[in-house]
Protein backbone atom coordinates (compact mmCIF):
# COMPACT_ATOMS: atom_id res chain seq x y z
CA UNK A 1 -26.04 -9.71 2.13
CA UNK A 2 -25.70 -13.17 0.61
CA UNK A 3 -22.17 -12.40 -0.65
CA UNK A 4 -21.02 -11.29 2.82
CA UNK A 5 -22.38 -14.44 4.45
CA UNK A 6 -20.53 -16.57 1.87
CA UNK A 7 -17.28 -14.65 2.49
CA UNK A 8 -17.77 -15.01 6.25
CA UNK A 9 -18.28 -18.77 5.87
CA UNK A 10 -15.12 -18.93 3.75
CA UNK A 11 -13.22 -17.11 6.51
CA UNK A 12 -14.52 -19.58 9.09
CA UNK A 13 -13.44 -22.45 6.84
CA UNK A 14 -9.96 -20.98 6.55
CA UNK A 15 -9.73 -20.70 10.35
CA UNK A 16 -10.77 -24.34 10.65
CA UNK A 17 -8.08 -25.28 8.10
CA UNK A 18 -5.49 -23.32 10.10
CA UNK A 19 -6.43 -25.22 13.25
CA UNK A 20 -6.34 -28.56 11.40
CA UNK A 21 -2.93 -27.79 9.90
CA UNK A 22 -1.56 -26.78 13.30
CA UNK A 23 -2.92 -29.88 15.04
CA UNK A 24 -1.46 -32.19 12.37
CA UNK A 25 2.08 -31.24 13.56
CA UNK A 26 3.84 -30.94 10.19
CA UNK A 27 7.54 -29.92 10.05
CA UNK A 28 8.13 -26.30 11.06
CA UNK A 29 8.85 -25.08 7.53
CA UNK A 30 5.69 -26.61 6.10
CA UNK A 31 3.64 -25.32 9.03
CA UNK A 32 4.94 -21.79 8.53
CA UNK A 33 4.37 -21.88 4.77
CA UNK A 34 0.86 -23.29 5.10
CA UNK A 35 -0.24 -20.89 7.80
CA UNK A 36 1.20 -17.89 5.96
CA UNK A 37 -0.58 -18.88 2.76
CA UNK A 38 -3.89 -19.31 4.58
CA UNK A 39 -3.41 -16.02 6.46
CA UNK A 40 -2.70 -14.20 3.18
CA UNK A 41 -5.91 -15.56 1.63
CA UNK A 42 -7.86 -14.71 4.77
CA UNK A 43 -6.51 -11.16 4.86
CA UNK A 44 -7.23 -10.68 1.15
CA UNK A 45 -10.85 -11.75 1.58
CA UNK A 46 -11.29 -9.45 4.58
CA UNK A 47 -9.74 -6.50 2.80
CA UNK A 48 -11.59 -7.01 -0.46
CA UNK A 49 -15.09 -7.59 0.88
CA UNK A 50 -15.41 -6.26 4.42
CA UNK A 51 -13.26 -3.16 3.84
CA UNK A 52 -14.86 -2.71 0.39
CA UNK A 53 -11.55 -2.50 -1.47
CA UNK A 54 -12.96 -4.75 -4.18
CA UNK A 55 -14.87 -1.77 -5.51
CA UNK A 56 -11.97 0.70 -5.48
CA UNK A 57 -9.96 1.73 -8.51
CA UNK A 58 -6.98 -0.44 -9.40
CA UNK A 59 -4.52 2.45 -9.10
CA UNK A 60 -5.55 2.98 -5.48
CA UNK A 61 -5.05 -0.71 -4.74
CA UNK A 62 -1.54 -0.72 -6.21
CA UNK A 63 -0.59 2.41 -4.26
CA UNK A 64 -1.75 0.76 -1.02
CA UNK A 65 0.19 -2.40 -1.84
CA UNK A 66 3.29 -0.35 -2.65
CA UNK A 67 3.00 1.58 0.64
CA UNK A 68 2.69 -1.64 2.63
CA UNK A 69 5.71 -3.19 0.90
CA UNK A 70 7.79 -0.06 1.57
CA UNK A 71 6.73 -0.07 5.23
CA UNK A 72 7.65 -3.74 5.61
CA UNK A 73 11.05 -3.20 4.00
CA UNK A 74 11.75 -0.23 6.27
CA UNK A 75 10.66 -2.14 9.36
CA UNK A 76 12.85 -5.06 8.35
CA UNK A 77 15.80 -2.69 8.01
CA UNK A 78 15.32 -1.31 11.53
CA UNK A 79 14.50 -4.70 13.13
CA UNK A 80 18.13 -5.65 12.67
CA UNK A 81 19.22 -2.69 14.80
CA UNK A 82 16.67 -3.53 17.47
CA UNK A 83 17.85 -7.14 17.57
CA UNK A 84 21.45 -6.01 17.88
CA UNK A 85 20.62 -3.61 20.72
CA UNK A 86 18.59 -6.27 22.51
CA UNK A 87 21.61 -8.56 22.79
CA UNK A 88 24.22 -5.87 23.43
CA UNK A 89 25.93 -6.09 26.80
CA UNK A 90 25.91 -2.87 28.77
CA UNK A 91 28.66 -2.55 31.32
CA UNK A 92 28.12 -0.57 34.50
CA UNK A 93 30.50 2.38 35.08
């Protein structure tokens, strides 16, 4: 139980850092990079400890990572079509 409390406190610290970074009003690029880095660390801690992926085999972990990357690439491919359709003018007959 001690390990989970430590991970939970780390997650709370990361959330506090995210709030502090946001309230400091850095340039947009730095804000995005900082928040994405903190979110990646936060997600990794949640996945590893609270979803118990830390104790899984390495091959399973790499297959999950590969599936997520493929899904993101496919979504990125189709987002372009959705953006194009969103701004397409439709004329009435």
